[in-house]
Protein backbone atom coordinates (compact mmCIF):
# COMPACT_ATOMS: atom_id res chain seq x y z
CA MET A 1 -12.45 -4.50 -11.85
CA ASP A 2 -15.00 -7.53 -11.31
CA ILE A 3 -14.91 -7.80 -7.53
CA TYR A 4 -15.70 -10.90 -6.21
CA LEU A 5 -16.03 -11.10 -2.32
CA LYS A 6 -15.53 -14.16 0.09
CA LYS A 7 -17.54 -13.58 3.02
CA GLU A 8 -16.06 -15.90 5.04
CA PHE A 9 -17.69 -13.64 8.23
CA LEU A 10 -20.52 -15.39 7.52
CA GLN A 11 -19.28 -19.38 9.40
CA TYR A 12 -21.38 -19.66 12.40
CA THR A 13 -18.89 -18.06 14.97
CA GLY A 14 -18.01 -15.15 12.21
CA SER A 15 -15.09 -16.15 10.59
CA VAL A 16 -12.67 -17.49 8.67
CA LYS A 17 -10.73 -19.33 11.71
CA GLU A 18 -13.20 -21.91 11.81
CA ARG A 19 -12.10 -23.83 8.95
CA GLY A 20 -8.35 -24.00 10.24
CA VAL A 21 -9.89 -24.86 13.69
CA LEU A 22 -12.09 -28.15 12.28
CA TYR A 23 -9.87 -29.69 10.49
CA LEU A 24 -7.32 -29.34 13.29
CA LEU A 25 -10.00 -30.83 15.64
CA THR A 26 -11.11 -33.30 13.56
CA SER A 27 -7.09 -34.39 12.97
CA LEU A 28 -6.65 -34.86 17.06
CA PRO A 29 -6.41 -38.64 18.36
CA GLN A 30 -9.68 -40.34 19.72
CA ASP A 31 -7.95 -40.33 22.74
CA GLN A 32 -7.13 -36.97 23.17
CA GLN A 33 -10.57 -36.28 22.09
CA ARG A 34 -11.94 -38.12 24.93
CA LYS A 35 -9.64 -35.61 27.15
CA GLY A 36 -10.23 -32.53 25.86
CA VAL A 37 -8.91 -29.30 24.97
CA ILE A 38 -8.04 -25.90 26.62
CA VAL A 39 -7.89 -22.68 25.06
CA ALA A 40 -6.87 -18.94 26.32
CA SER A 41 -7.97 -16.02 24.77
CA ASP A 42 -10.73 -14.08 23.57
CA SER A 43 -9.81 -14.55 19.88
CA ASN A 44 -11.95 -15.59 16.85
CA PHE A 45 -9.80 -18.71 17.07
CA SER A 46 -10.80 -19.37 20.71
CA MET A 47 -14.61 -18.68 19.57
CA ALA A 48 -14.51 -21.21 16.73
CA VAL A 49 -12.47 -23.71 18.80
CA ALA A 50 -15.52 -23.28 21.41
CA TYR A 51 -18.17 -24.08 18.41
CA HIS A 52 -16.78 -26.46 16.73
CA ALA A 53 -15.39 -28.93 19.93
CA SER A 54 -18.74 -28.62 21.11
CA GLU A 55 -20.06 -29.56 17.75
CA LEU A 56 -17.52 -32.48 17.65
CA ARG A 57 -18.67 -33.49 21.50
CA ILE A 58 -15.16 -32.86 22.54
CA PRO A 59 -14.78 -31.46 25.79
CA VAL A 60 -13.85 -27.94 25.52
CA PHE A 61 -12.79 -25.01 28.18
CA VAL A 62 -11.98 -21.63 27.44
CA ILE A 63 -9.99 -19.37 29.77
CA MET A 64 -10.66 -15.34 29.62
CA SER A 65 -9.49 -12.76 31.74
CA THR A 66 -11.56 -10.79 33.83
CA SER A 67 -11.10 -7.76 31.26
CA THR A 68 -12.82 -10.06 28.62
CA SER A 69 -16.25 -8.25 26.78
CA PRO A 70 -19.20 -10.09 28.78
CA ALA A 71 -20.95 -10.98 25.14
CA ARG A 72 -17.96 -13.01 24.03
CA VAL A 73 -17.92 -14.63 27.39
CA LYS A 74 -21.82 -15.41 26.71
CA MET A 75 -21.37 -16.51 23.48
CA CYS A 76 -18.53 -18.95 23.87
CA ARG A 77 -21.20 -20.33 26.56
CA GLU A 78 -23.95 -20.78 24.60
CA TYR A 79 -21.64 -22.54 22.18
CA GLY A 80 -21.16 -25.26 24.60
CA ALA A 81 -17.63 -24.35 25.68
CA MET A 82 -16.87 -24.09 29.99
CA VAL A 83 -15.78 -20.79 30.44
CA ILE A 84 -13.73 -19.70 33.04
CA SER A 85 -12.67 -16.09 34.00
CA TYR A 86 -9.29 -15.77 35.08
CA GLY A 87 -6.46 -13.33 36.12
CA THR A 88 -6.80 -9.39 34.52
CA THR A 89 -4.55 -9.87 31.64
CA ALA A 90 -4.54 -12.79 28.80
CA LYS A 91 -0.69 -13.76 30.14
CA ASP A 92 -2.31 -14.78 33.49
CA SER A 93 -5.75 -16.30 31.64
CA GLN A 94 -2.40 -18.70 29.26
CA THR A 95 -0.67 -19.16 32.31
CA HIS A 96 -3.94 -20.91 34.39
CA ALA A 97 -5.12 -22.76 30.81
CA ARG A 98 -1.16 -24.03 30.58
CA ARG A 99 -1.59 -25.37 34.60
CA LEU A 100 -5.00 -26.88 33.93
CA ALA A 101 -4.03 -28.72 30.89
CA GLN A 102 -0.66 -30.12 32.27
CA GLU A 103 -2.80 -31.33 35.87
CA ASN A 104 -5.60 -32.80 33.58
CA GLY A 105 -4.66 -33.62 30.59
CA TYR A 106 -6.40 -31.38 28.16
CA LEU A 107 -4.38 -30.70 25.14
CA TYR A 108 -3.62 -26.72 25.10
CA LEU A 109 -4.55 -25.21 21.93
CA GLU A 110 -3.29 -21.85 20.67
CA GLU A 111 -3.35 -20.44 17.08
CA GLU A 112 0.32 -21.06 15.31
CA ASP A 113 1.08 -22.15 11.48
CA SER A 114 1.06 -26.06 11.77
CA ALA A 115 0.73 -27.76 8.72
CA VAL A 116 -2.60 -28.67 9.83
CA TYR A 117 -4.21 -25.86 11.13
CA LEU A 118 -2.71 -23.92 7.53
CA SER A 119 -4.08 -26.65 5.27
CA GLY A 120 -7.52 -25.62 6.56
CA LEU A 121 -7.32 -22.17 6.12
CA GLY A 122 -6.36 -23.06 2.99
CA THR A 123 -9.24 -24.12 1.81
CA VAL A 124 -10.53 -20.96 1.22
CA GLY A 125 -7.69 -20.46 -2.11
CA LEU A 126 -8.95 -23.86 -3.11
CA GLU A 127 -12.61 -22.93 -2.96
CA LEU A 128 -11.78 -19.37 -4.96
CA TYR A 129 -10.67 -21.17 -7.48
CA GLU A 130 -13.35 -23.22 -8.12
CA GLN A 131 -16.09 -20.16 -7.56
CA VAL A 132 -14.15 -17.80 -9.72
CA PRO A 133 -12.96 -18.56 -13.08
CA LYS A 134 -10.13 -16.95 -15.01
CA LEU A 135 -9.70 -14.86 -11.77
CA ASP A 136 -6.46 -12.84 -12.06
CA ALA A 137 -5.71 -11.77 -8.33
CA VAL A 138 -6.97 -12.61 -4.73
CA ILE A 139 -6.48 -9.87 -1.79
CA PHE A 140 -6.25 -11.46 2.18
CA PRO A 141 -5.90 -8.99 5.64
CA ALA A 142 -2.02 -10.33 6.41
CA GLY A 143 -0.77 -8.64 9.58
CA GLY A 144 0.88 -11.15 11.93
CA HIS A 145 -1.62 -13.91 11.62
CA CYS A 146 -1.29 -14.48 8.34
CA GLY A 147 -2.26 -18.08 8.21
CA LEU A 148 -5.40 -17.61 6.00
CA LEU A 149 -2.93 -15.54 3.02
CA ALA A 150 -0.26 -18.24 3.56
CA GLY A 151 -1.98 -21.26 3.65
CA SER A 152 -4.31 -19.95 0.79
CA ALA A 153 -1.62 -18.92 -1.08
CA ALA A 154 -0.07 -22.33 -1.34
CA ALA A 155 -3.19 -23.59 -2.75
CA LEU A 156 -3.75 -20.85 -5.49
CA LYS A 157 -0.35 -20.81 -6.52
CA HIS A 158 -0.35 -24.85 -6.79
CA LEU A 159 -3.88 -24.67 -9.31
CA ASN A 160 -2.70 -21.19 -11.17
CA PRO A 161 0.73 -19.91 -10.67
CA HIS A 162 -0.14 -16.99 -12.74
CA ILE A 163 -3.09 -15.62 -10.10
CA SER A 164 -1.77 -12.74 -8.14
CA VAL A 165 -1.77 -12.66 -4.42
CA ILE A 166 -1.81 -10.38 -2.23
CA GLY A 167 -1.37 -9.13 1.71
CA VAL A 168 -3.25 -6.04 3.24
CA GLU A 169 -1.83 -5.16 6.70
CA SER A 170 -2.25 -1.61 8.94
CA GLU A 171 0.20 1.02 7.98
CA ASN A 172 0.02 1.28 12.21
CA PHE A 173 1.07 -1.78 12.67
CA PRO A 174 3.29 -3.10 9.25
CA VAL A 175 4.33 -6.80 11.26
CA LEU A 176 4.44 -9.10 8.15
CA GLN A 177 6.07 -6.15 6.35
CA GLN A 178 8.97 -5.71 9.01
CA SER A 179 9.15 -9.83 9.31
CA LEU A 180 9.62 -10.19 5.94
CA LYS A 181 12.17 -7.80 5.38
CA ALA A 182 14.22 -9.17 8.63
CA GLY A 183 13.71 -12.81 7.46
CA HIS A 184 12.14 -13.92 10.53
CA PRO A 185 9.28 -13.48 12.85
CA ILE A 186 9.47 -9.65 14.45
CA GLU A 187 8.15 -9.42 18.43
CA ASP A 188 6.93 -5.58 18.95
CA GLN A 189 5.29 -5.62 21.67
CA ALA A 190 3.54 -2.35 20.73
CA CYS A 191 1.07 -3.72 17.90
CA SER A 192 -0.50 -6.37 20.47
CA ASN A 193 -4.13 -6.54 21.13
CA HIS A 194 -5.19 -3.29 19.22
CA HIS A 195 -9.52 -3.34 20.28
CA PHE A 196 -9.70 -2.02 17.00
CA TYR A 197 -7.79 -4.34 14.41
CA GLY A 198 -7.90 -7.38 16.21
CA ASP A 199 -5.98 -10.17 15.21
CA VAL A 200 -4.18 -8.38 12.30
CA SER A 201 -2.27 -6.37 14.73
CA GLY A 202 -1.41 -9.75 16.41
CA LEU A 203 2.39 -10.91 16.61
CA CYS A 204 4.16 -12.65 13.88
CA PHE A 205 3.03 -16.10 15.12
CA GLY A 206 5.39 -18.55 13.15
CA SER A 207 8.25 -19.00 10.47
CA ASN A 208 5.93 -21.63 8.70
CA SER A 209 3.49 -18.89 7.36
CA LEU A 210 6.33 -16.45 7.29
CA GLN A 211 8.47 -18.61 4.48
CA LEU A 212 5.23 -19.46 2.66
CA THR A 213 4.27 -15.84 2.73
CA GLY A 214 7.66 -14.52 1.33
CA LYS A 215 8.12 -17.12 -0.94
CA LEU A 216 4.52 -17.42 -2.77
CA VAL A 217 2.66 -14.08 -2.06
CA ASP A 218 3.22 -11.53 -4.77
CA LYS A 219 2.69 -8.13 -3.05
CA VAL A 220 1.96 -6.27 0.76
CA VAL A 221 0.87 -3.43 1.18
CA ALA A 222 0.00 -1.17 3.71
CA VAL A 223 -3.42 0.63 4.69
CA ARG A 224 -4.28 3.81 6.34
CA GLU A 225 -7.31 3.79 9.36
CA GLU A 226 -9.38 6.05 7.66
CA ASP A 227 -9.19 3.45 4.26
CA VAL A 228 -10.49 0.72 6.52
CA LEU A 229 -13.23 2.66 8.25
CA VAL A 230 -14.59 3.64 4.68
CA SER A 231 -14.22 0.24 3.81
CA MET A 232 -16.46 -1.06 6.86
CA LEU A 233 -19.27 1.78 5.80
CA ARG A 234 -19.27 0.67 1.94
CA LEU A 235 -20.02 -3.02 2.97
CA LEU A 236 -22.40 -1.87 5.37
CA GLU A 237 -24.45 0.04 2.67
CA TYR A 238 -23.81 -1.77 -0.58
CA GLU A 239 -23.33 -5.41 0.94
CA ARG A 240 -25.63 -5.38 4.21
CA ALA A 241 -22.53 -6.28 5.48
CA THR A 242 -21.25 -5.81 8.97
CA VAL A 243 -17.72 -6.51 9.21
CA ASP A 244 -14.69 -5.35 11.43
CA ALA A 245 -11.35 -4.24 10.70
CA GLU A 246 -9.84 -7.31 9.65
CA GLY A 247 -12.69 -8.43 7.66
CA ALA A 248 -12.93 -5.17 5.41
CA ILE A 249 -8.92 -3.90 5.09
CA GLY A 250 -8.80 -6.20 1.79
CA LEU A 251 -11.28 -3.81 0.28
CA ALA A 252 -9.50 -1.11 2.26
CA ALA A 253 -6.51 -1.23 -0.35
CA LEU A 254 -8.66 -0.80 -3.19
CA VAL A 255 -10.53 2.58 -1.58
CA ALA A 256 -7.23 3.77 -1.07
CA GLY A 257 -6.02 2.92 -4.40
CA LYS A 258 -2.99 0.77 -3.54
CA LEU A 259 -3.75 -1.51 -6.19
CA PRO A 260 -3.94 0.50 -9.32
CA GLU A 261 -2.37 -2.33 -11.73
CA LEU A 262 -5.45 -4.26 -10.97
CA LYS A 263 -7.70 -2.64 -13.20
CA GLY A 264 -9.96 -4.19 -15.61
CA LYS A 265 -8.83 -7.73 -13.70
CA ARG A 266 -11.33 -10.56 -12.20
CA VAL A 267 -10.38 -9.53 -8.39
CA ALA A 268 -11.80 -11.77 -5.01
CA ILE A 269 -11.04 -10.58 -1.81
CA VAL A 270 -11.75 -12.68 1.53
CA ILE A 271 -13.99 -10.94 3.71
CA CYS A 272 -12.63 -12.84 7.06
CA SER A 273 -14.77 -11.29 9.99
CA GLY A 274 -17.44 -9.69 11.08
CA ASN A 275 -16.61 -9.85 14.87
CA ILE A 276 -17.30 -6.18 16.21
CA GLU A 277 -18.46 -5.32 19.40
CA LEU A 278 -21.90 -3.04 19.09
CA HIS A 279 -20.30 -0.32 20.85
CA LEU A 280 -17.05 -0.11 18.31
CA LEU A 281 -19.39 -0.99 15.26
CA GLN A 282 -21.43 2.30 16.64
CA GLN A 283 -18.17 4.81 16.56
CA CYS A 284 -16.61 3.08 13.56
CA ILE A 285 -20.00 4.25 11.46
CA ALA A 286 -19.90 7.14 12.77
CA ARG A 287 -16.41 8.46 12.11
CA ALA A 288 -16.04 6.46 8.78
CA LEU A 289 -19.45 8.90 7.52
CA THR A 290 -17.15 12.44 8.25
CA LEU A 291 -14.06 10.55 6.31
CA ASP A 292 -16.63 10.15 3.98
CA ASN A 293 -17.81 13.29 3.81
CA ARG A 294 -21.34 12.41 4.36
CA VAL A 295 -21.76 13.98 7.96
CA CYS A 296 -20.36 17.35 8.42
CA ARG A 297 -20.08 20.44 10.84
CA PHE A 298 -19.76 23.91 11.27
CA SER A 299 -19.87 26.84 13.52
CA LEU A 300 -20.85 30.60 12.93
CA VAL A 301 -21.39 33.53 15.19
CA LEU A 302 -25.10 35.29 14.64
CA PRO A 303 -26.95 38.70 16.37
CA ASP A 304 -28.83 37.01 18.80
CA CYS A 305 -32.32 38.51 17.13
CA PRO A 306 -35.66 36.68 16.23
CA GLY A 307 -35.27 35.15 12.74
CA ASP A 308 -31.62 35.01 12.13
CA ILE A 309 -31.18 31.23 13.35
CA SER A 310 -34.23 30.57 10.51
CA LYS A 311 -32.48 32.29 7.82
CA LEU A 312 -29.37 29.76 8.47
CA LEU A 313 -32.19 27.10 8.46
CA GLU A 314 -33.43 28.20 5.05
CA ILE A 315 -30.30 28.10 3.91
CA LEU A 316 -29.22 24.35 4.49
CA ALA A 317 -32.75 23.23 3.66
CA ARG A 318 -32.41 25.11 -0.43
CA GLU A 319 -28.97 23.09 -0.18
CA GLU A 320 -30.42 19.73 0.81
CA ALA A 321 -28.44 19.44 3.69
CA ARG A 322 -30.18 17.50 6.77
CA VAL A 323 -29.89 19.14 10.27
CA LEU A 324 -28.43 16.21 12.37
CA ASP A 325 -28.09 18.45 15.55
CA ILE A 326 -28.02 22.20 16.15
CA LYS A 327 -26.61 23.74 19.37
CA GLN A 328 -26.36 27.42 20.52
CA GLU A 329 -24.05 29.51 22.98
CA ARG A 330 -24.43 32.72 24.67
CA THR A 331 -22.34 32.70 27.39
CA PHE A 332 -19.10 32.67 26.20
CA VAL A 333 -19.09 34.26 22.97
CA THR A 334 -16.15 36.74 22.87
CA SER A 335 -17.17 38.39 19.81
CA GLY A 336 -19.27 40.82 20.95
CA LEU A 337 -22.25 41.40 22.98
CA PHE A 338 -26.38 39.98 21.77
CA MET A 339 -24.43 37.59 20.05
CA VAL A 340 -25.03 33.63 19.61
CA LYS A 341 -22.28 31.11 18.39
CA VAL A 342 -24.03 28.25 16.32
CA THR A 343 -23.06 24.71 16.20
CA CYS A 344 -24.64 22.90 13.11
CA THR A 345 -24.29 19.14 12.33
CA VAL A 346 -25.63 18.24 9.35
CA GLU A 347 -25.75 15.07 6.88
CA THR A 348 -24.84 15.67 2.98
CA ARG A 349 -24.76 13.39 0.42
CA ASP A 350 -21.53 13.32 -0.87
CA LYS A 351 -17.71 15.32 -0.95
CA ILE A 352 -19.45 17.38 -4.06
CA HIS A 353 -22.68 18.25 -1.88
CA ALA A 354 -20.26 19.11 1.13
CA ALA A 355 -18.45 21.60 -0.97
CA GLN A 356 -21.46 23.06 -2.82
CA LEU A 357 -23.07 24.00 1.38
CA ARG A 358 -19.21 24.84 2.47
CA SER A 359 -19.73 27.69 -0.34
CA ALA A 360 -23.41 28.62 -0.08
CA LEU A 361 -22.69 28.82 3.68
CA LEU A 362 -19.18 31.19 3.20
CA GLU A 363 -20.93 33.41 0.68
CA ARG A 364 -23.35 34.74 3.49
CA TYR A 365 -21.80 33.99 6.16
CA PRO A 366 -17.75 34.97 5.58
CA THR A 367 -16.60 34.14 9.18
CA ALA A 368 -18.27 30.70 9.42
CA ALA A 369 -15.84 28.18 10.47
CA TRP A 370 -15.84 24.48 8.80
CA THR A 371 -14.82 21.73 11.59
CA GLU A 372 -11.65 19.49 9.49
CA ARG A 373 -12.64 15.97 9.68
């Protein structure tokens, strides 16, 4: 298929939420713009509010819990917001923000499915229609915060009812599918605040979004965490795009083969977010490489004699596998005296190369144990 990537992670704060926030802030009465706004979370929504309110010279306050990432706190301050750390949970921060709003006349903002906010997010649909002629389908992240999906679906279906609109969420948190089935937003505390999935795993935040989704969206599919990780790797390698799970989940539906009906079609995917912490990115890429058969590990027991490990390395060199790590264990080897357990981590090209290496090792070392992914 022809794939077009709508790279919303290139927005200044790294998220599509800027579209809804900018329209929301410019729609406020001038009196309220002078008084200011206040938000209470470390989400992409709050980052967008911090940046655009500062740009519009609207006083902005962000209440964050003490457990918030220092990098997020620093970034919000650099955008121009007054950041206040309060409480140990998100609920503590929200309660404090509401109290400050009531005492000082600030407008307390939280991500909701108001017509103004959804309209701002829906400009993605307008642009896609203009930018990609003869578009057959558009894939969006879904989950609980399905405002982008709902707002863009409204725009796309108005302009061309034949464009297929598809939402993608996680199998671990099928919030949208469950809400559509129930006919109302569900509240499942188990799916809140997941560190990896971010906003995709949030609670379903409004009946307007749910109603639009049920009426206009053609299909909602769920994908595995493994497919999301491999999609993050694909985007990093082929597009030089560093995205989070929310940004990669649309591509994951294609990687997982969930949408075979789109073969031969012109398909747009919205890459909506690139806000991932560095330590988490490192873990995600390392895990994705193992899932993609690009990093493999095996162990075997050899006689503890000169030259035996060099023979193993010769096999690895002949099979063009790059050694990343090699460890030797002598003390706790139970197979016999004067034996050494060797554990190797190697880099391979792909699944076929990994299988060839495995066959070559088993031919020479029948007891070699391959660590499963």
